[in-house]
Amino acid sequence: MNSASILGINLVDGVKRRHLFAYFIAVLISSGYAGAMSILQPGLLQVIGIGYQDQAQLTGMLGALQETIFIIMLGIYGVYADRIGRRYVYTFGLLTTAIGFALYGTAESVAELVAYRVIVAFGSGAMVGMMVTVIADYSKNETRGKANGLQGVVATFGAFIPPILATLPNQFVNSGYTEAAAQQATFAIAGSMGVVGAVVAFFGLSKVAGTVIQARKESLAKQLKLGAIEAKNPKVALSYGAAFISRGDLAVTGAFMGLWLVQFGTKNMQMSPSQAMNELAVPAILMVVLGALIGSVVMGYFSDKVTRVRAVSVASGLAAIIYSAMYLVSDPTQPWVLGLLLVMGIAEISAFVSSQALVGESAPQKRRGAVIGFFGVAGAVGILVATAGGGALFANYGPSTPFVVFGALNFIVFIWSCFVNSSEQEQTEQRPTQQVSQGE
């Protein structure tokens, strides 16, 4: 029997410390990709020559396209991960995402942006799905909160990668590159990360953990159906709602904070696209990332000290307050906005970590890949709403509007989680009474 543990995380049978370390390297790169498109794309849109009014709409449309593919593919990736193993799906995801990013920087038209974003979407769906699934496989339930918290810490360090990448175009321009060539070089470097991650995932992840042999005997349609049926469990259903809102939070911040700052810098401060990215967008995103680093540690610990449902309540309640407060922002370059973004980072990663811990606890082992696939679908719908709807809100009603709308949606999840938590407490209180009655 394998009873390995590391950093307070108890590993399941068949998982060794080296497998967990390989997974964390893959997470570092995966989370780097998760935010890279949002911070790099505004500069590319400027270089291609997309008009200011069209940039938000195009950002939303491209994000919606990606999330539509997510919705279609995540459940399928989850089922195949149960059939053939997580490492094959994760490797495919990282490698495909790498190819999409390398091509994206060469785009010269909207049609090319769409084509290359489709490649990124197919890769990212597999990559993000396995990022959530593997940690649920590797950790025992009693330390799953810590495991997701540590994953959040690693993912937060990965979130430092996009701001670093965003400084490269300005450096390349200062070295004599054209703005277009600087974008191409930056996206090529981003693409190379995925190749490294794919090699690590293929050779480093466990060949056994997470593969459900019995699932091979069932049709794909049946596995998807059985995964959907698990939503009858109130905690699973809540985890889907928490996934929707937490991924939407991340998407709103990632897609529109950088765009807001780049547009503000080029329109109101006479900056070049690369300069606005370097001097305005990068510090803001770094502040969000710093908050996420703090939040991932705190929420990982907190999730193991209280019920996973209560952790979702705390996270969604905090996010409701902070995202709604963006209504007060008219000039995103004001110093106090950085403080608000710090707390926003804490809120959004807390929602992310708590939702993962909840679905990891609630999903039955033999359906974990399919259930977490649906969890990913719910998250993808959240990102779809955030990007497509947020793009229209940004363009027509002001840059703060997408944030305010998601503040209201966070409040709805907060109320929902309070009801589930109340129901869970009632059931816990009834069990001792029932046991006494049976004893009599």
Protein backbone atom coordinates (compact mmCIF):
# COMPACT_ATOMS: atom_id res chain seq x y z
CA MET A 1 0.00 0.00 0.00
CA ASN A 2 1.29 3.43 -0.91
CA SER A 3 0.82 5.92 1.92
CA ALA A 4 2.99 8.68 0.51
CA SER A 5 2.37 12.22 1.69
CA ILE A 6 4.02 15.53 0.95
CA LEU A 7 3.45 19.06 2.26
CA GLY A 8 0.49 17.84 4.30
CA ILE A 9 -1.19 16.15 1.30
CA ASN A 10 -2.00 12.44 1.59
CA LEU A 11 -1.59 10.76 -1.80
CA VAL A 12 -3.78 7.91 -3.00
CA ASP A 13 -2.44 4.45 -3.82
CA GLY A 14 -0.40 4.37 -7.02
CA VAL A 15 0.66 8.03 -6.85
CA LYS A 16 4.21 8.91 -5.87
CA ARG A 17 5.73 12.24 -5.01
CA ARG A 18 7.38 12.50 -8.43
CA HIS A 19 3.97 12.22 -10.09
CA LEU A 20 2.69 15.14 -8.02
CA PHE A 21 5.74 17.24 -8.87
CA ALA A 22 5.29 16.50 -12.58
CA TYR A 23 1.65 17.50 -12.27
CA PHE A 24 2.59 20.81 -10.63
CA ILE A 25 4.98 21.60 -13.50
CA ALA A 26 2.13 20.94 -15.93
CA VAL A 27 -0.14 23.16 -13.79
CA LEU A 28 2.43 25.96 -13.83
CA ILE A 29 2.45 25.97 -17.62
CA SER A 30 -1.31 25.39 -17.97
CA SER A 31 -2.15 28.32 -15.71
CA GLY A 32 0.33 30.44 -17.63
CA TYR A 33 -1.66 29.73 -20.77
CA ALA A 34 -4.94 30.42 -18.98
CA GLY A 35 -4.13 34.13 -18.68
CA ALA A 36 -1.70 34.63 -21.54
CA MET A 37 -4.25 35.17 -24.31
CA SER A 38 -6.10 37.84 -22.35
CA ILE A 39 -3.06 39.99 -21.69
CA LEU A 40 -1.28 39.44 -25.03
CA GLN A 41 -4.25 39.77 -27.38
CA PRO A 42 -5.01 43.52 -26.86
CA GLY A 43 -1.59 44.48 -28.22
CA LEU A 44 -2.00 42.11 -31.17
CA LEU A 45 -5.41 43.61 -32.01
CA GLN A 46 -3.83 47.08 -32.06
CA VAL A 47 -1.07 45.88 -34.39
CA ILE A 48 -3.54 44.23 -36.78
CA GLY A 49 -5.46 47.51 -36.90
CA ILE A 50 -8.78 46.58 -35.27
CA GLY A 51 -10.77 49.70 -34.30
CA TYR A 52 -11.29 50.59 -30.63
CA GLN A 53 -15.05 50.00 -30.73
CA ASP A 54 -14.58 46.63 -32.43
CA GLN A 55 -11.86 45.37 -30.09
CA ALA A 56 -14.18 44.60 -27.17
CA GLN A 57 -16.71 42.92 -29.47
CA LEU A 58 -14.00 40.86 -31.16
CA THR A 59 -12.47 39.94 -27.79
CA GLY A 60 -15.86 38.73 -26.64
CA MET A 61 -16.54 36.85 -29.87
CA LEU A 62 -13.20 35.04 -29.82
CA GLY A 63 -13.66 34.18 -26.16
CA ALA A 64 -17.17 32.92 -26.86
CA LEU A 65 -15.90 30.77 -29.72
CA GLN A 66 -13.30 29.21 -27.46
CA GLU A 67 -15.81 28.52 -24.69
CA THR A 68 -18.32 27.02 -27.14
CA ILE A 69 -15.68 24.49 -28.12
CA PHE A 70 -14.93 23.99 -24.40
CA ILE A 71 -18.60 23.21 -23.75
CA ILE A 72 -18.70 20.68 -26.57
CA MET A 73 -15.40 19.00 -25.75
CA LEU A 74 -14.91 19.09 -21.97
CA GLY A 75 -17.37 16.30 -21.19
CA ILE A 76 -15.91 14.20 -23.99
CA TYR A 77 -12.35 14.80 -22.76
CA GLY A 78 -13.45 13.82 -19.25
CA VAL A 79 -14.94 10.54 -20.45
CA TYR A 80 -11.88 9.68 -22.53
CA ALA A 81 -9.66 10.52 -19.59
CA ASP A 82 -11.55 7.83 -17.66
CA ARG A 83 -11.00 5.42 -20.52
CA ILE A 84 -7.39 5.91 -21.56
CA GLY A 85 -5.85 7.82 -18.65
CA ARG A 86 -5.28 11.43 -17.76
CA ARG A 87 -1.72 11.78 -19.04
CA TYR A 88 -2.63 11.15 -22.69
CA VAL A 89 -5.39 13.76 -22.65
CA TYR A 90 -3.23 16.24 -20.73
CA THR A 91 -0.32 15.77 -23.16
CA PHE A 92 -2.61 16.31 -26.14
CA GLY A 93 -4.01 19.47 -24.56
CA LEU A 94 -0.65 21.06 -23.83
CA LEU A 95 0.81 20.26 -27.24
CA THR A 96 -2.23 21.49 -29.17
CA THR A 97 -2.38 24.70 -27.15
CA ALA A 98 1.31 25.28 -27.88
CA ILE A 99 0.70 25.00 -31.63
CA GLY A 100 -2.26 27.39 -31.45
CA PHE A 101 -0.29 30.03 -29.56
CA ALA A 102 2.69 29.85 -31.92
CA LEU A 103 0.38 30.42 -34.87
CA TYR A 104 -1.72 33.13 -33.19
CA GLY A 105 1.03 35.73 -33.25
CA THR A 106 1.31 35.40 -37.04
CA ALA A 107 -2.34 36.35 -37.61
CA GLU A 108 -2.96 39.31 -39.91
CA SER A 109 -6.74 39.18 -40.16
CA VAL A 110 -9.85 38.34 -38.16
CA ALA A 111 -10.25 35.10 -40.13
CA GLU A 112 -6.79 33.93 -39.08
CA LEU A 113 -7.46 34.91 -35.47
CA VAL A 114 -10.59 32.75 -35.55
CA ALA A 115 -8.82 29.76 -37.12
CA TYR A 116 -5.92 29.81 -34.68
CA ARG A 117 -8.22 30.42 -31.69
CA VAL A 118 -10.06 27.21 -32.60
CA ILE A 119 -6.78 25.27 -32.28
CA VAL A 120 -6.09 26.92 -28.93
CA ALA A 121 -9.63 26.05 -27.80
CA PHE A 122 -9.34 22.34 -28.57
CA GLY A 123 -6.04 22.17 -26.73
CA SER A 124 -7.12 24.29 -23.78
CA GLY A 125 -10.25 22.22 -23.22
CA ALA A 126 -8.19 19.08 -22.65
CA MET A 127 -5.53 20.94 -20.68
CA VAL A 128 -7.87 22.73 -18.27
CA GLY A 129 -10.07 19.67 -17.78
CA MET A 130 -7.11 17.53 -16.74
CA MET A 131 -5.68 20.29 -14.57
CA VAL A 132 -8.78 19.97 -12.37
CA THR A 133 -9.22 16.19 -12.65
CA VAL A 134 -5.69 15.02 -11.81
CA ILE A 135 -5.49 16.74 -8.43
CA ALA A 136 -8.80 15.14 -7.45
CA ASP A 137 -7.32 11.74 -8.40
CA TYR A 138 -4.03 12.20 -6.59
CA SER A 139 -5.17 13.47 -3.17
CA LYS A 140 -7.22 11.79 -0.46
CA ASN A 141 -10.39 13.55 0.58
CA GLU A 142 -9.22 14.59 4.05
CA THR A 143 -6.44 16.71 2.53
CA ARG A 144 -8.11 17.64 -0.77
CA GLY A 145 -8.56 21.25 0.34
CA LYS A 146 -4.82 21.58 0.98
CA ALA A 147 -4.11 19.86 -2.34
CA ASN A 148 -6.32 22.31 -4.23
CA GLY A 149 -4.82 25.17 -2.25
CA LEU A 150 -1.30 24.09 -3.18
CA GLN A 151 -2.42 23.67 -6.76
CA GLY A 152 -3.78 27.22 -6.51
CA VAL A 153 -0.39 28.45 -5.28
CA VAL A 154 1.37 26.80 -8.22
CA ALA A 155 -1.29 28.09 -10.61
CA THR A 156 -0.79 31.57 -9.17
CA PHE A 157 2.93 31.40 -9.84
CA GLY A 158 1.96 30.33 -13.35
CA ALA A 159 -0.18 33.46 -13.53
CA PHE A 160 3.02 35.50 -13.29
CA ILE A 161 3.99 34.11 -16.71
CA PRO A 162 1.51 36.22 -18.77
CA PRO A 163 2.70 39.58 -17.34
CA ILE A 164 6.28 38.50 -18.02
CA LEU A 165 5.32 37.60 -21.59
CA ALA A 166 3.54 40.95 -21.90
CA THR A 167 6.80 42.81 -21.26
CA LEU A 168 8.50 41.08 -24.20
CA PRO A 169 6.92 43.04 -27.10
CA ASN A 170 8.21 46.33 -25.67
CA GLN A 171 11.68 44.82 -25.20
CA PHE A 172 11.66 43.47 -28.75
CA VAL A 173 10.54 46.86 -30.14
CA ASN A 174 13.33 48.60 -28.21
CA SER A 175 15.74 46.10 -29.78
CA GLY A 176 14.70 47.09 -33.29
CA TYR A 177 11.76 44.75 -34.01
CA THR A 178 8.61 46.08 -35.64
CA GLU A 179 5.44 45.94 -33.52
CA ALA A 180 4.20 43.00 -35.65
CA ALA A 181 7.47 41.07 -35.39
CA ALA A 182 7.54 41.67 -31.63
CA GLN A 183 4.10 40.10 -31.32
CA GLN A 184 5.13 37.08 -33.40
CA ALA A 185 8.24 36.46 -31.31
CA THR A 186 6.29 36.76 -28.07
CA PHE A 187 3.59 34.29 -29.11
CA ALA A 188 6.27 31.87 -30.37
CA ILE A 189 7.94 31.92 -26.96
CA ALA A 190 4.53 31.31 -25.37
CA GLY A 191 4.05 28.33 -27.67
CA SER A 192 7.33 26.75 -26.64
CA MET A 193 6.07 26.45 -23.04
CA GLY A 194 3.46 23.92 -24.06
CA VAL A 195 6.00 21.64 -25.69
CA VAL A 196 7.92 21.45 -22.42
CA GLY A 197 4.70 20.84 -20.51
CA ALA A 198 3.61 18.06 -22.86
CA VAL A 199 6.90 16.20 -22.38
CA VAL A 200 6.65 16.51 -18.60
CA ALA A 201 3.00 15.36 -18.56
CA PHE A 202 3.60 12.35 -20.78
CA PHE A 203 6.61 11.01 -18.94
CA GLY A 204 5.87 12.34 -15.44
CA LEU A 205 2.20 11.69 -14.64
CA SER A 206 1.02 8.42 -13.12
CA LYS A 207 0.14 5.74 -15.68
CA VAL A 208 -2.39 4.15 -13.32
CA ALA A 209 -4.21 6.73 -11.17
CA GLY A 210 -7.42 8.08 -12.65
CA THR A 211 -7.98 5.40 -15.29
CA VAL A 212 -11.27 3.59 -14.75
CA ILE A 213 -11.02 0.27 -16.58
CA GLN A 214 -14.75 -0.46 -16.27
CA ALA A 215 -15.57 2.71 -18.17
CA ARG A 216 -14.18 1.19 -21.35
CA LYS A 217 -17.15 -1.20 -21.41
CA GLU A 218 -19.67 1.63 -21.59
CA SER A 219 -20.51 3.78 -24.58
CA LEU A 220 -19.44 7.41 -24.66
CA ALA A 221 -23.08 8.56 -24.65
CA LYS A 222 -23.87 6.46 -21.58
CA GLN A 223 -20.89 7.82 -19.68
CA LEU A 224 -21.89 11.38 -20.49
CA LYS A 225 -25.48 10.69 -19.42
CA LEU A 226 -24.40 9.14 -16.13
CA GLY A 227 -22.10 12.09 -15.48
CA ALA A 228 -25.01 14.50 -16.02
CA ILE A 229 -27.27 12.52 -13.68
CA GLU A 230 -24.84 13.20 -10.82
CA ALA A 231 -26.11 16.79 -10.80
CA LYS A 232 -29.08 15.49 -8.77
CA ASN A 233 -26.69 15.62 -5.82
CA PRO A 234 -27.15 19.18 -4.41
CA LYS A 235 -23.45 19.53 -3.68
CA VAL A 236 -22.47 18.46 -7.20
CA ALA A 237 -25.03 20.89 -8.62
CA LEU A 238 -23.63 23.68 -6.43
CA SER A 239 -20.12 22.83 -7.58
CA TYR A 240 -21.31 23.35 -11.16
CA GLY A 241 -22.75 26.74 -10.19
CA ALA A 242 -19.53 27.64 -8.38
CA ALA A 243 -17.55 26.59 -11.44
CA PHE A 244 -19.71 28.83 -13.62
CA ILE A 245 -19.14 31.88 -11.47
CA SER A 246 -15.49 31.31 -10.56
CA ARG A 247 -14.40 30.78 -14.17
CA GLY A 248 -16.51 33.72 -15.22
CA ASP A 249 -14.77 35.89 -12.61
CA LEU A 250 -11.38 34.89 -13.97
CA ALA A 251 -12.51 35.52 -17.54
CA VAL A 252 -13.89 38.99 -16.83
CA THR A 253 -10.70 40.08 -15.07
CA GLY A 254 -8.43 38.49 -17.66
CA ALA A 255 -10.26 39.56 -20.79
CA PHE A 256 -11.30 43.09 -19.88
CA MET A 257 -8.91 44.52 -17.29
CA GLY A 258 -5.98 44.41 -19.69
CA LEU A 259 -8.12 45.64 -22.60
CA TRP A 260 -9.46 48.51 -20.47
CA LEU A 261 -5.94 49.62 -19.53
CA VAL A 262 -4.44 49.28 -23.02
CA GLN A 263 -7.31 51.27 -24.53
CA PHE A 264 -7.09 53.88 -21.77
CA GLY A 265 -3.34 54.26 -22.27
CA THR A 266 -3.47 54.54 -26.06
CA LYS A 267 -6.53 56.84 -26.14
CA ASN A 268 -5.96 59.09 -23.13
CA MET A 269 -2.23 58.93 -22.42
CA GLN A 270 -0.82 58.77 -25.99
CA MET A 271 1.00 55.48 -25.33
CA SER A 272 1.94 52.86 -27.93
CA PRO A 273 0.25 49.44 -27.56
CA SER A 274 3.41 47.78 -26.23
CA GLN A 275 4.04 50.68 -23.83
CA ALA A 276 0.48 50.56 -22.48
CA MET A 277 0.79 46.82 -21.93
CA ASN A 278 4.12 47.22 -20.16
CA GLU A 279 3.34 50.25 -17.99
CA LEU A 280 -0.38 49.86 -17.25
CA ALA A 281 -1.64 46.32 -17.88
CA VAL A 282 1.31 44.43 -16.41
CA PRO A 283 1.29 46.13 -12.96
CA ALA A 284 -2.48 45.68 -12.70
CA ILE A 285 -2.35 41.99 -13.60
CA LEU A 286 0.56 41.46 -11.23
CA MET A 287 -1.53 42.93 -8.42
CA VAL A 288 -4.35 40.49 -9.21
CA VAL A 289 -1.84 37.63 -9.28
CA LEU A 290 -0.39 38.68 -5.92
CA GLY A 291 -3.89 38.62 -4.46
CA ALA A 292 -4.46 35.19 -5.99
CA LEU A 293 -1.26 33.91 -4.38
CA ILE A 294 -2.51 35.03 -0.96
CA GLY A 295 -6.02 33.72 -1.57
CA SER A 296 -4.94 30.28 -2.76
CA VAL A 297 -2.97 29.63 0.45
CA VAL A 298 -5.70 30.94 2.74
CA MET A 299 -8.61 29.22 0.98
CA GLY A 300 -6.73 25.91 0.66
CA TYR A 301 -6.29 25.84 4.43
CA PHE A 302 -9.78 27.18 5.11
CA SER A 303 -11.45 24.54 2.88
CA ASP A 304 -10.12 21.76 5.10
CA LYS A 305 -11.24 23.50 8.32
CA VAL A 306 -14.88 24.08 7.36
CA THR A 307 -17.31 22.29 5.07
CA ARG A 308 -16.58 22.69 1.37
CA VAL A 309 -20.02 24.28 0.90
CA ARG A 310 -19.26 26.94 3.53
CA ALA A 311 -15.97 27.67 1.77
CA VAL A 312 -17.91 28.33 -1.44
CA SER A 313 -20.21 30.69 0.50
CA VAL A 314 -17.30 32.75 1.81
CA ALA A 315 -15.58 32.94 -1.58
CA SER A 316 -18.69 33.88 -3.58
CA GLY A 317 -19.74 36.45 -0.97
CA LEU A 318 -16.36 38.19 -1.10
CA ALA A 319 -16.36 38.15 -4.91
CA ALA A 320 -19.87 39.64 -4.98
CA ILE A 321 -18.68 42.65 -2.98
CA ILE A 322 -15.42 43.25 -4.86
CA TYR A 323 -16.73 42.85 -8.41
CA SER A 324 -19.68 45.11 -7.67
CA ALA A 325 -17.26 47.73 -6.33
CA MET A 326 -15.76 48.11 -9.82
CA TYR A 327 -18.77 50.36 -10.52
CA LEU A 328 -16.83 53.05 -8.65
CA VAL A 329 -13.89 52.95 -11.10
CA SER A 330 -13.81 55.58 -13.84
CA ASP A 331 -10.01 55.91 -14.24
CA PRO A 332 -8.37 52.45 -14.00
CA THR A 333 -4.91 54.01 -13.55
CA GLN A 334 -5.73 55.53 -10.15
CA PRO A 335 -3.48 54.10 -7.37
CA TRP A 336 -6.41 52.93 -5.21
CA VAL A 337 -7.59 50.66 -8.02
CA LEU A 338 -4.49 48.51 -7.50
CA GLY A 339 -5.68 47.80 -3.95
CA LEU A 340 -9.09 46.79 -5.26
CA LEU A 341 -7.43 44.48 -7.80
CA LEU A 342 -5.38 42.86 -5.01
CA VAL A 343 -8.57 41.89 -3.17
CA MET A 344 -10.15 40.86 -6.47
CA GLY A 345 -7.31 38.37 -6.93
CA ILE A 346 -8.00 36.95 -3.46
CA ALA A 347 -11.72 36.64 -4.24
CA GLU A 348 -11.44 35.03 -7.66
CA ILE A 349 -8.86 32.39 -6.67
CA SER A 350 -10.84 31.61 -3.49
CA ALA A 351 -13.89 30.87 -5.63
CA PHE A 352 -11.74 28.75 -7.94
CA VAL A 353 -10.10 26.71 -5.16
CA SER A 354 -13.28 26.18 -3.14
CA SER A 355 -15.26 25.02 -6.18
CA GLN A 356 -12.55 22.50 -7.10
CA ALA A 357 -12.42 21.14 -3.55
CA LEU A 358 -16.21 20.78 -3.54
CA VAL A 359 -16.44 18.86 -6.81
CA GLY A 360 -13.46 16.69 -5.86
CA GLU A 361 -15.24 15.69 -2.66
CA SER A 362 -18.68 15.26 -4.24
CA ALA A 363 -17.85 13.40 -7.48
CA PRO A 364 -18.02 9.58 -7.20
CA GLN A 365 -14.67 8.00 -8.03
CA LYS A 366 -15.86 5.88 -10.95
CA ARG A 367 -17.49 8.91 -12.60
CA ARG A 368 -14.93 11.51 -11.59
CA GLY A 369 -13.66 12.21 -15.08
CA ALA A 370 -17.18 12.64 -16.47
CA VAL A 371 -18.43 14.69 -13.50
CA ILE A 372 -15.41 16.98 -13.58
CA GLY A 373 -15.91 17.18 -17.33
CA PHE A 374 -19.36 18.61 -16.67
CA PHE A 375 -17.84 20.80 -13.98
CA GLY A 376 -15.55 22.12 -16.70
CA VAL A 377 -18.53 22.63 -19.00
CA ALA A 378 -20.22 24.75 -16.34
CA GLY A 379 -17.04 26.77 -16.03
CA ALA A 380 -16.86 27.13 -19.79
CA VAL A 381 -20.43 28.44 -19.87
CA GLY A 382 -19.39 30.98 -17.24
CA ILE A 383 -16.47 32.08 -19.40
CA LEU A 384 -18.74 32.16 -22.46
CA VAL A 385 -21.18 34.48 -20.69
CA ALA A 386 -18.31 36.58 -19.35
CA THR A 387 -16.54 37.00 -22.67
CA ALA A 388 -19.42 37.22 -25.14
CA GLY A 389 -21.81 39.11 -22.89
CA GLY A 390 -18.99 41.04 -21.27
CA GLY A 391 -17.69 42.21 -24.63
CA ALA A 392 -21.06 43.69 -25.54
CA LEU A 393 -21.44 45.28 -22.09
CA PHE A 394 -17.90 46.71 -22.25
CA ALA A 395 -18.45 48.23 -25.69
CA ASN A 396 -21.96 49.59 -25.14
CA TYR A 397 -22.29 50.37 -21.42
CA GLY A 398 -18.76 51.00 -20.19
CA PRO A 399 -15.70 49.01 -19.12
CA SER A 400 -16.83 48.43 -15.53
CA THR A 401 -20.17 46.86 -16.49
CA PRO A 402 -18.99 43.24 -16.98
CA PHE A 403 -17.47 43.31 -13.49
CA VAL A 404 -20.66 44.64 -11.90
CA VAL A 405 -22.82 42.00 -13.60
CA PHE A 406 -20.59 39.23 -12.26
CA GLY A 407 -20.78 40.80 -8.84
CA ALA A 408 -24.54 40.20 -8.98
CA LEU A 409 -24.07 36.62 -10.23
CA ASN A 410 -21.65 35.91 -7.39
CA PHE A 411 -24.34 37.05 -4.97
CA ILE A 412 -26.77 34.52 -6.45
CA VAL A 413 -24.25 31.69 -5.92
CA PHE A 414 -23.69 32.95 -2.38
CA ILE A 415 -27.43 32.65 -1.60
CA TRP A 416 -27.58 29.21 -3.27
CA SER A 417 -24.65 27.94 -1.19
CA CYS A 418 -26.29 29.20 2.00
CA PHE A 419 -29.38 27.10 1.24
CA VAL A 420 -27.26 23.99 0.52
CA ASN A 421 -25.24 24.58 3.69
CA SER A 422 -28.45 24.92 5.74
CA SER A 423 -29.81 21.68 4.28
CA GLU A 424 -26.54 19.90 4.99
CA GLN A 425 -26.60 21.05 8.62
CA GLU A 426 -30.18 19.83 9.06
CA GLN A 427 -29.24 16.40 7.75
CA THR A 428 -26.25 16.25 10.10
CA GLU A 429 -28.43 17.15 13.09
CA GLN A 430 -31.03 14.53 12.18
CA ARG A 431 -28.56 11.63 11.96
CA PRO A 432 -27.80 11.39 15.73
CA THR A 433 -31.55 11.48 16.49
CA GLN A 434 -32.20 8.71 13.99
CA GLN A 435 -29.35 6.62 15.42
CA VAL A 436 -30.74 6.99 18.96
CA SER A 437 -34.20 5.95 17.79
CA GLN A 438 -32.77 2.86 16.09
CA GLY A 439 -30.84 2.01 19.27
CA GLU A 440 -34.02 2.16 21.36
